[in-house]
Amino acid sequence: MSTLYAGYGAIALYIFAFFYQAQKVRAASHSNSSSPLRKEWLLAMCGLAIATHGLAAWQLLASANGLDLSLWRVSAAIFFVVNLIVLLSSLRKPSHNLFLFLLPITVPVLAIALISSAGSAQSKPGTGAVVHILSSILAYSLLTIAAFQAMLLAYQNWQLRHKHLKGWVRALPPLQTMEALLFEVLWAGVLLLTLSLISGFAVFEDLFGQNLGHKTAFSLIAWLIYAILLWGRHVKGWRGNTAIRWTLIGFIATALAYWGSKFVYEVLLV
């Protein structure tokens, strides 16, 4: 299957899945709704979309000369991993409502990756570099999920505080479940970010040079923010708005580490 067929096929499936889920969630806000969301149908649609997305993302990244790690192509790969993790989590836990936030972002990111020109492919990486690249992509993916989870938690908190118990808030899991999911994802994301930093320092001679200085600095800041949050959760019992704020601040640093530095070097300084 060609890259364009796989990519546009994934986009079409994502759009269909989003409108199906949005319509069912909206209908569920009315107590007399007789057509509830069929979770297995949603996951089947998303699973097929993610499979074709993964094929397109791999074809965009891989070339005969190595890996194309340009901004939009890696972003397409990150959102493939994000959606895949949410899909797998949804098989055991009520995580599928994250798709309402993820799919409208995944579609334009994948579309831009499909039409963007190829970057300069790097030479085929060694084992250490592969560990660094994979752990970085997985860490960014998990911390992106945590950010969306925090935003959902903030929305749910606000709705419950103002006693707005109708609409989409009724489709969300209980607050305790949402918060537990958030910290599970954060722990996994921080462990992978730690591996990414360690492997980066081991592989690259000067991680603060080679146009990597901003990325390294913001990654270390993000790691410190998340470490403080996890310490606060374990020792001080941080939760609610405190956890949400620290999670979103950490994600801003994470986003600046990758997307910010890539945007500067590949768009602003071109």
C-alpha atoms as a PDB file:
ATOM      1  CA  MET A   1       0.000   0.000   0.000  1.00  0.00           C
ATOM      2  CA  SER A   2       1.415   3.413  -0.961  1.00  0.00           C
ATOM      3  CA  THR A   3       2.105   6.040   1.664  1.00  0.00           C
ATOM      4  CA  LEU A   4      -0.625   8.372   0.388  1.00  0.00           C
ATOM      5  CA  TYR A   5      -3.283   5.640   0.235  1.00  0.00           C
ATOM      6  CA  ALA A   6      -2.435   4.500   3.772  1.00  0.00           C
ATOM      7  CA  GLY A   7      -2.268   8.042   5.132  1.00  0.00           C
ATOM      8  CA  TYR A   8      -5.478   9.334   3.565  1.00  0.00           C
ATOM      9  CA  GLY A   9      -7.238   6.085   4.422  1.00  0.00           C
ATOM     10  CA  ALA A  10      -6.249   6.589   8.062  1.00  0.00           C
ATOM     11  CA  ILE A  11      -7.491  10.191   7.946  1.00  0.00           C
ATOM     12  CA  ALA A  12     -10.875   9.117   6.567  1.00  0.00           C
ATOM     13  CA  LEU A  13     -11.251   6.444   9.251  1.00  0.00           C
ATOM     14  CA  TYR A  14     -10.220   8.856  12.007  1.00  0.00           C
ATOM     15  CA  ILE A  15     -12.822  11.399  10.855  1.00  0.00           C
ATOM     16  CA  PHE A  16     -15.549   8.754  10.697  1.00  0.00           C
ATOM     17  CA  ALA A  17     -14.638   7.424  14.165  1.00  0.00           C
ATOM     18  CA  PHE A  18     -14.601  10.932  15.650  1.00  0.00           C
ATOM     19  CA  PHE A  19     -18.037  11.877  14.323  1.00  0.00           C
ATOM     20  CA  TYR A  20     -19.454   8.525  15.405  1.00  0.00           C
ATOM     21  CA  GLN A  21     -18.104   8.960  18.945  1.00  0.00           C
ATOM     22  CA  ALA A  22     -19.059  12.643  19.192  1.00  0.00           C
ATOM     23  CA  GLN A  23     -22.614  11.951  18.042  1.00  0.00           C
ATOM     24  CA  LYS A  24     -23.062   9.092  20.509  1.00  0.00           C
ATOM     25  CA  VAL A  25     -21.591  11.030  23.416  1.00  0.00           C
ATOM     26  CA  ARG A  26     -23.823  13.980  22.620  1.00  0.00           C
ATOM     27  CA  ALA A  27     -26.851  11.684  22.430  1.00  0.00           C
ATOM     28  CA  ALA A  28     -25.882  10.111  25.763  1.00  0.00           C
ATOM     29  CA  SER A  29     -26.351  13.490  27.428  1.00  0.00           C
ATOM     30  CA  HIS A  30     -30.090  12.960  26.922  1.00  0.00           C
ATOM     31  CA  SER A  31     -31.456  10.398  29.343  1.00  0.00           C
ATOM     32  CA  ASN A  32     -33.867   9.046  26.753  1.00  0.00           C
ATOM     33  CA  SER A  33     -31.117   8.092  24.308  1.00  0.00           C
ATOM     34  CA  SER A  34     -31.742   4.574  23.000  1.00  0.00           C
ATOM     35  CA  SER A  35     -28.567   4.266  20.927  1.00  0.00           C
ATOM     36  CA  PRO A  36     -25.529   4.186  23.241  1.00  0.00           C
ATOM     37  CA  LEU A  37     -21.935   4.208  22.096  1.00  0.00           C
ATOM     38  CA  ARG A  38     -20.750   0.751  21.063  1.00  0.00           C
ATOM     39  CA  LYS A  39     -17.221   0.777  22.428  1.00  0.00           C
ATOM     40  CA  GLU A  40     -16.195  -2.270  20.383  1.00  0.00           C
ATOM     41  CA  TRP A  41     -17.235  -0.529  17.162  1.00  0.00           C
ATOM     42  CA  LEU A  42     -15.308   2.591  18.069  1.00  0.00           C
ATOM     43  CA  LEU A  43     -12.167   0.608  18.943  1.00  0.00           C
ATOM     44  CA  ALA A  44     -12.456  -1.414  15.737  1.00  0.00           C
ATOM     45  CA  MET A  45     -12.630   1.765  13.631  1.00  0.00           C
ATOM     46  CA  CYS A  46      -9.782   3.378  15.549  1.00  0.00           C
ATOM     47  CA  GLY A  47      -7.741   0.173  15.378  1.00  0.00           C
ATOM     48  CA  LEU A  48      -7.989   0.047  11.580  1.00  0.00           C
ATOM     49  CA  ALA A  49      -7.190   3.756  11.343  1.00  0.00           C
ATOM     50  CA  ILE A  50      -4.169   3.356  13.638  1.00  0.00           C
ATOM     51  CA  ALA A  51      -2.878   0.362  11.653  1.00  0.00           C
ATOM     52  CA  THR A  52      -2.927   2.296   8.376  1.00  0.00           C
ATOM     53  CA  HIS A  53      -1.551   5.376  10.154  1.00  0.00           C
ATOM     54  CA  GLY A  54       1.359   3.281  11.422  1.00  0.00           C
ATOM     55  CA  LEU A  55       2.116   2.019   7.916  1.00  0.00           C
ATOM     56  CA  ALA A  56       2.092   5.558   6.536  1.00  0.00           C
ATOM     57  CA  ALA A  57       4.211   6.885   9.419  1.00  0.00           C
ATOM     58  CA  TRP A  58       6.837   4.192   8.934  1.00  0.00           C
ATOM     59  CA  GLN A  59       7.031   4.853   5.188  1.00  0.00           C
ATOM     60  CA  LEU A  60       7.399   8.578   5.853  1.00  0.00           C
ATOM     61  CA  LEU A  61      10.230   8.023   8.354  1.00  0.00           C
ATOM     62  CA  ALA A  62      12.192   5.282   6.593  1.00  0.00           C
ATOM     63  CA  SER A  63      14.305   5.783   3.513  1.00  0.00           C
ATOM     64  CA  ALA A  64      17.218   4.074   1.846  1.00  0.00           C
ATOM     65  CA  ASN A  65      19.557   6.623   3.439  1.00  0.00           C
ATOM     66  CA  GLY A  66      18.287   6.232   6.997  1.00  0.00           C
ATOM     67  CA  LEU A  67      15.591   7.933   9.058  1.00  0.00           C
ATOM     68  CA  ASP A  68      13.869  11.194   8.145  1.00  0.00           C
ATOM     69  CA  LEU A  69      13.456  12.871  11.547  1.00  0.00           C
ATOM     70  CA  SER A  70      11.923  16.103  10.278  1.00  0.00           C
ATOM     71  CA  LEU A  71       9.263  17.871  12.338  1.00  0.00           C
ATOM     72  CA  TRP A  72       6.000  16.718  10.759  1.00  0.00           C
ATOM     73  CA  ARG A  73       7.098  13.162   9.996  1.00  0.00           C
ATOM     74  CA  VAL A  74       8.177  12.472  13.561  1.00  0.00           C
ATOM     75  CA  SER A  75       5.024  14.227  14.795  1.00  0.00           C
ATOM     76  CA  ALA A  76       2.945  11.811  12.697  1.00  0.00           C
ATOM     77  CA  ALA A  77       4.846   8.915  14.282  1.00  0.00           C
ATOM     78  CA  ILE A  78       4.322  10.336  17.790  1.00  0.00           C
ATOM     79  CA  PHE A  79       0.564  10.641  17.287  1.00  0.00           C
ATOM     80  CA  PHE A  80       0.484   7.102  15.909  1.00  0.00           C
ATOM     81  CA  VAL A  81       2.066   5.885  19.165  1.00  0.00           C
ATOM     82  CA  VAL A  82      -0.247   8.127  21.232  1.00  0.00           C
ATOM     83  CA  ASN A  83      -3.372   6.702  19.604  1.00  0.00           C
ATOM     84  CA  LEU A  84      -2.047   3.142  19.782  1.00  0.00           C
ATOM     85  CA  ILE A  85      -1.385   3.454  23.522  1.00  0.00           C
ATOM     86  CA  VAL A  86      -4.866   4.884  24.107  1.00  0.00           C
ATOM     87  CA  LEU A  87      -6.373   2.056  22.046  1.00  0.00           C
ATOM     88  CA  LEU A  88      -4.534  -0.632  24.032  1.00  0.00           C
ATOM     89  CA  SER A  89      -5.380   1.072  27.324  1.00  0.00           C
ATOM     90  CA  SER A  90      -9.051   1.236  26.282  1.00  0.00           C
ATOM     91  CA  LEU A  91      -9.188  -2.564  26.110  1.00  0.00           C
ATOM     92  CA  ARG A  92      -8.819  -2.650  29.916  1.00  0.00           C
ATOM     93  CA  LYS A  93      -9.777   0.809  31.138  1.00  0.00           C
ATOM     94  CA  PRO A  94     -12.204   3.595  30.174  1.00  0.00           C
ATOM     95  CA  SER A  95      -9.613   5.574  28.207  1.00  0.00           C
ATOM     96  CA  HIS A  96     -11.447   5.735  24.875  1.00  0.00           C
ATOM     97  CA  ASN A  97     -12.890   9.207  25.510  1.00  0.00           C
ATOM     98  CA  LEU A  98      -9.398  10.598  24.969  1.00  0.00           C
ATOM     99  CA  PHE A  99     -10.017   9.978  21.267  1.00  0.00           C
ATOM    100  CA  LEU A 100     -12.447  12.916  21.276  1.00  0.00           C
ATOM    101  CA  PHE A 101      -9.430  15.176  21.883  1.00  0.00           C
ATOM    102  CA  LEU A 102      -6.757  13.225  20.019  1.00  0.00           C
ATOM    103  CA  LEU A 103      -8.412  12.549  16.672  1.00  0.00           C
ATOM    104  CA  PRO A 104      -9.055  16.199  15.704  1.00  0.00           C
ATOM    105  CA  ILE A 105      -5.323  16.857  16.272  1.00  0.00           C
ATOM    106  CA  THR A 106      -4.078  13.641  14.666  1.00  0.00           C
ATOM    107  CA  VAL A 107      -5.854  14.327  11.367  1.00  0.00           C
ATOM    108  CA  PRO A 108      -4.145  17.644  10.501  1.00  0.00           C
ATOM    109  CA  VAL A 109      -0.761  16.450  11.788  1.00  0.00           C
ATOM    110  CA  LEU A 110      -0.886  13.377   9.552  1.00  0.00           C
ATOM    111  CA  ALA A 111      -2.216  15.390   6.600  1.00  0.00           C
ATOM    112  CA  ILE A 112       0.632  17.923   6.862  1.00  0.00           C
ATOM    113  CA  ALA A 113       3.179  15.091   7.172  1.00  0.00           C
ATOM    114  CA  LEU A 114       1.818  13.548   3.957  1.00  0.00           C
ATOM    115  CA  ILE A 115       2.109  16.754   1.924  1.00  0.00           C
ATOM    116  CA  SER A 116       5.299  18.132   3.485  1.00  0.00           C
ATOM    117  CA  SER A 117       8.565  17.776   1.639  1.00  0.00           C
ATOM    118  CA  ALA A 118      11.053  15.218   2.883  1.00  0.00           C
ATOM    119  CA  GLY A 119      13.789  16.322   5.247  1.00  0.00           C
ATOM    120  CA  SER A 120      17.405  15.253   5.055  1.00  0.00           C
ATOM    121  CA  ALA A 121      17.570  11.597   6.067  1.00  0.00           C
ATOM    122  CA  GLN A 122      20.180  10.756   8.674  1.00  0.00           C
ATOM    123  CA  SER A 123      22.571   7.854   8.367  1.00  0.00           C
ATOM    124  CA  LYS A 124      21.324   4.562   9.706  1.00  0.00           C
ATOM    125  CA  PRO A 125      21.533   4.903  13.508  1.00  0.00           C
ATOM    126  CA  GLY A 126      23.411   2.544  15.775  1.00  0.00           C
ATOM    127  CA  THR A 127      21.877   0.644  18.680  1.00  0.00           C
ATOM    128  CA  GLY A 128      22.361   3.463  21.193  1.00  0.00           C
ATOM    129  CA  ALA A 129      20.812   6.015  18.866  1.00  0.00           C
ATOM    130  CA  VAL A 130      17.856   3.713  18.181  1.00  0.00           C
ATOM    131  CA  VAL A 131      17.267   3.348  21.934  1.00  0.00           C
ATOM    132  CA  HIS A 132      17.411   7.134  22.285  1.00  0.00           C
ATOM    133  CA  ILE A 133      15.022   7.781  19.368  1.00  0.00           C
ATOM    134  CA  LEU A 134      12.483   5.135  20.414  1.00  0.00           C
ATOM    135  CA  SER A 135      12.516   6.094  24.092  1.00  0.00           C
ATOM    136  CA  SER A 136      12.132   9.763  23.135  1.00  0.00           C
ATOM    137  CA  ILE A 137       9.140   9.082  20.869  1.00  0.00           C
ATOM    138  CA  LEU A 138       7.489   6.862  23.487  1.00  0.00           C
ATOM    139  CA  ALA A 139       8.151   9.406  26.259  1.00  0.00           C
ATOM    140  CA  TYR A 140       6.702  12.288  24.220  1.00  0.00           C
ATOM    141  CA  SER A 141       3.719  10.110  23.343  1.00  0.00           C
ATOM    142  CA  LEU A 142       2.926   9.146  26.930  1.00  0.00           C
ATOM    143  CA  LEU A 143       3.421  12.665  28.248  1.00  0.00           C
ATOM    144  CA  THR A 144       1.128  13.971  25.498  1.00  0.00           C
ATOM    145  CA  ILE A 145      -1.528  11.507  26.663  1.00  0.00           C
ATOM    146  CA  ALA A 146      -0.985  12.707  30.246  1.00  0.00           C
ATOM    147  CA  ALA A 147      -1.544  16.308  29.140  1.00  0.00           C
ATOM    148  CA  PHE A 148      -4.838  15.439  27.447  1.00  0.00           C
ATOM    149  CA  GLN A 149      -5.815  13.377  30.483  1.00  0.00           C
ATOM    150  CA  ALA A 150      -5.081  16.397  32.711  1.00  0.00           C
ATOM    151  CA  MET A 151      -7.216  18.657  30.503  1.00  0.00           C
ATOM    152  CA  LEU A 152     -10.093  16.189  30.664  1.00  0.00           C
ATOM    153  CA  LEU A 153      -9.681  15.999  34.426  1.00  0.00           C
ATOM    154  CA  ALA A 154      -9.742  19.810  34.675  1.00  0.00           C
ATOM    155  CA  TYR A 155     -12.917  19.933  32.571  1.00  0.00           C
ATOM    156  CA  GLN A 156     -14.540  17.242  34.703  1.00  0.00           C
ATOM    157  CA  ASN A 157     -13.500  19.021  37.918  1.00  0.00           C
ATOM    158  CA  TRP A 158     -14.958  22.318  36.709  1.00  0.00           C
ATOM    159  CA  GLN A 159     -18.226  20.716  35.600  1.00  0.00           C
ATOM    160  CA  LEU A 160     -18.707  18.903  38.898  1.00  0.00           C
ATOM    161  CA  ARG A 161     -17.809  21.969  40.961  1.00  0.00           C
ATOM    162  CA  HIS A 162     -20.472  23.965  39.131  1.00  0.00           C
ATOM    163  CA  LYS A 163     -22.915  21.032  39.278  1.00  0.00           C
ATOM    164  CA  HIS A 164     -23.097  20.680  35.501  1.00  0.00           C
ATOM    165  CA  LEU A 165     -23.708  16.949  35.402  1.00  0.00           C
ATOM    166  CA  LYS A 166     -25.038  16.800  31.870  1.00  0.00           C
ATOM    167  CA  GLY A 167     -23.365  16.648  28.500  1.00  0.00           C
ATOM    168  CA  TRP A 168     -19.993  15.055  27.831  1.00  0.00           C
ATOM    169  CA  VAL A 169     -19.037  14.929  31.513  1.00  0.00           C
ATOM    170  CA  ARG A 170     -21.470  12.025  31.939  1.00  0.00           C
ATOM    171  CA  ALA A 171     -19.400   9.981  29.497  1.00  0.00           C
ATOM    172  CA  LEU A 172     -16.218  10.343  31.553  1.00  0.00           C
ATOM    173  CA  PRO A 173     -15.071   7.825  34.190  1.00  0.00           C
ATOM    174  CA  PRO A 174     -15.195   8.838  37.886  1.00  0.00           C
ATOM    175  CA  LEU A 175     -12.651  11.435  39.047  1.00  0.00           C
ATOM    176  CA  GLN A 176     -10.635   8.898  41.064  1.00  0.00           C
ATOM    177  CA  THR A 177     -10.318   6.630  38.020  1.00  0.00           C
ATOM    178  CA  MET A 178      -9.265   9.549  35.806  1.00  0.00           C
ATOM    179  CA  GLU A 179      -6.651  10.658  38.324  1.00  0.00           C
ATOM    180  CA  ALA A 180      -5.276   7.131  38.744  1.00  0.00           C
ATOM    181  CA  LEU A 181      -4.949   6.812  34.948  1.00  0.00           C
ATOM    182  CA  LEU A 182      -3.141  10.147  34.818  1.00  0.00           C
ATOM    183  CA  PHE A 183      -0.442   9.109  37.282  1.00  0.00           C
ATOM    184  CA  GLU A 184       0.002   5.681  35.684  1.00  0.00           C
ATOM    185  CA  VAL A 185       0.749   7.385  32.383  1.00  0.00           C
ATOM    186  CA  LEU A 186       3.005   9.953  34.056  1.00  0.00           C
ATOM    187  CA  TRP A 187       5.130   7.294  35.757  1.00  0.00           C
ATOM    188  CA  ALA A 188       5.621   5.431  32.471  1.00  0.00           C
ATOM    189  CA  GLY A 189       6.347   8.657  30.579  1.00  0.00           C
ATOM    190  CA  VAL A 190       8.920   9.895  33.094  1.00  0.00           C
ATOM    191  CA  LEU A 191      10.720   6.535  33.154  1.00  0.00           C
ATOM    192  CA  LEU A 192      10.996   6.645  29.346  1.00  0.00           C
ATOM    193  CA  LEU A 193      12.082  10.297  29.430  1.00  0.00           C
ATOM    194  CA  THR A 194      14.801   9.283  31.897  1.00  0.00           C
ATOM    195  CA  LEU A 195      15.945   6.529  29.529  1.00  0.00           C
ATOM    196  CA  SER A 196      15.889   9.005  26.643  1.00  0.00           C
ATOM    197  CA  LEU A 197      18.120  11.468  28.518  1.00  0.00           C
ATOM    198  CA  ILE A 198      20.555   8.792  29.723  1.00  0.00           C
ATOM    199  CA  SER A 199      20.882   7.251  26.252  1.00  0.00           C
ATOM    200  CA  GLY A 200      21.246  10.704  24.705  1.00  0.00           C
ATOM    201  CA  PHE A 201      24.153  11.626  26.984  1.00  0.00           C
ATOM    202  CA  ALA A 202      25.719   8.208  26.305  1.00  0.00           C
ATOM    203  CA  VAL A 203      25.402   8.388  22.512  1.00  0.00           C
ATOM    204  CA  PHE A 204      26.094  12.027  21.690  1.00  0.00           C
ATOM    205  CA  GLU A 205      29.439  13.556  22.578  1.00  0.00           C
ATOM    206  CA  ASP A 206      28.028  17.056  23.073  1.00  0.00           C
ATOM    207  CA  LEU A 207      24.287  16.931  23.772  1.00  0.00           C
ATOM    208  CA  PHE A 208      24.261  20.698  24.351  1.00  0.00           C
ATOM    209  CA  GLY A 209      25.806  21.292  20.932  1.00  0.00           C
ATOM    210  CA  GLN A 210      24.832  20.051  17.455  1.00  0.00           C
ATOM    211  CA  ASN A 211      21.638  22.171  17.566  1.00  0.00           C
ATOM    212  CA  LEU A 212      20.525  20.040  20.526  1.00  0.00           C
ATOM    213  CA  GLY A 213      21.087  22.558  23.297  1.00  0.00           C
ATOM    214  CA  HIS A 214      17.514  23.890  23.512  1.00  0.00           C
ATOM    215  CA  LYS A 215      16.025  20.408  23.259  1.00  0.00           C
ATOM    216  CA  THR A 216      18.301  19.063  26.000  1.00  0.00           C
ATOM    217  CA  ALA A 217      17.713  22.021  28.325  1.00  0.00           C
ATOM    218  CA  PHE A 218      13.917  21.887  28.030  1.00  0.00           C
ATOM    219  CA  SER A 219      13.941  18.081  28.365  1.00  0.00           C
ATOM    220  CA  LEU A 220      15.866  18.385  31.638  1.00  0.00           C
ATOM    221  CA  ILE A 221      13.467  21.087  32.855  1.00  0.00           C
ATOM    222  CA  ALA A 222      10.500  18.880  31.944  1.00  0.00           C
ATOM    223  CA  TRP A 223      12.056  15.899  33.737  1.00  0.00           C
ATOM    224  CA  LEU A 224      12.586  18.017  36.872  1.00  0.00           C
ATOM    225  CA  ILE A 225       8.969  19.293  36.807  1.00  0.00           C
ATOM    226  CA  TYR A 226       7.562  15.785  36.436  1.00  0.00           C
ATOM    227  CA  ALA A 227       9.898  14.457  39.141  1.00  0.00           C
ATOM    228  CA  ILE A 228       8.660  17.134  41.567  1.00  0.00           C
ATOM    229  CA  LEU A 229       5.054  16.261  40.671  1.00  0.00           C
ATOM    230  CA  LEU A 230       5.568  12.541  41.289  1.00  0.00           C
ATOM    231  CA  TRP A 231       7.399  13.302  44.548  1.00  0.00           C
ATOM    232  CA  GLY A 232       4.544  15.576  45.603  1.00  0.00           C
ATOM    233  CA  ARG A 233       2.009  12.891  44.772  1.00  0.00           C
ATOM    234  CA  HIS A 234       3.895  10.217  46.719  1.00  0.00           C
ATOM    235  CA  VAL A 235       4.916  12.322  49.736  1.00  0.00           C
ATOM    236  CA  LYS A 236       2.381  15.142  49.934  1.00  0.00           C
ATOM    237  CA  GLY A 237      -0.590  13.445  48.314  1.00  0.00           C
ATOM    238  CA  TRP A 238      -0.934  16.079  45.571  1.00  0.00           C
ATOM    239  CA  ARG A 239      -4.051  15.671  43.471  1.00  0.00           C
ATOM    240  CA  GLY A 240      -6.781  17.657  41.735  1.00  0.00           C
ATOM    241  CA  ASN A 241      -5.849  21.093  40.412  1.00  0.00           C
ATOM    242  CA  THR A 242      -2.303  20.875  41.784  1.00  0.00           C
ATOM    243  CA  ALA A 243      -1.608  17.717  39.797  1.00  0.00           C
ATOM    244  CA  ILE A 244      -3.277  19.176  36.717  1.00  0.00           C
ATOM    245  CA  ARG A 245      -1.202  22.379  36.826  1.00  0.00           C
ATOM    246  CA  TRP A 246       2.133  20.568  37.269  1.00  0.00           C
ATOM    247  CA  THR A 247       1.272  18.101  34.504  1.00  0.00           C
ATOM    248  CA  LEU A 248       0.446  20.876  32.028  1.00  0.00           C
ATOM    249  CA  ILE A 249       3.525  22.923  32.975  1.00  0.00           C
ATOM    250  CA  GLY A 250       5.668  19.819  32.444  1.00  0.00           C
ATOM    251  CA  PHE A 251       4.035  19.214  29.075  1.00  0.00           C
ATOM    252  CA  ILE A 252       4.733  22.783  27.962  1.00  0.00           C
ATOM    253  CA  ALA A 253       8.424  22.189  28.690  1.00  0.00           C
ATOM    254  CA  THR A 254       8.237  18.839  26.863  1.00  0.00           C
ATOM    255  CA  ALA A 255       6.562  20.442  23.846  1.00  0.00           C
ATOM    256  CA  LEU A 256       9.202  23.171  23.738  1.00  0.00           C
ATOM    257  CA  ALA A 257      11.916  20.502  23.952  1.00  0.00           C
ATOM    258  CA  TYR A 258      10.849  18.758  20.768  1.00  0.00           C
ATOM    259  CA  TRP A 259       8.272  20.666  18.750  1.00  0.00           C
ATOM    260  CA  GLY A 260       9.599  24.081  19.774  1.00  0.00           C
ATOM    261  CA  SER A 261      13.216  23.368  18.862  1.00  0.00           C
ATOM    262  CA  LYS A 262      12.225  21.576  15.640  1.00  0.00           C
ATOM    263  CA  PHE A 263       9.988  24.480  14.600  1.00  0.00           C
ATOM    264  CA  VAL A 264      12.761  26.991  15.189  1.00  0.00           C
ATOM    265  CA  TYR A 265      15.418  25.065  13.249  1.00  0.00           C
ATOM    266  CA  GLU A 266      13.215  23.740  10.410  1.00  0.00           C
ATOM    267  CA  VAL A 267      10.800  26.650   9.897  1.00  0.00           C
ATOM    268  CA  LEU A 268      12.024  29.924  11.388  1.00  0.00           C
ATOM    269  CA  LEU A 269      15.735  29.532  10.593  1.00  0.00           C
ATOM    270  CA  VAL A 270      15.345  28.044   7.114  1.00  0.00           C
END
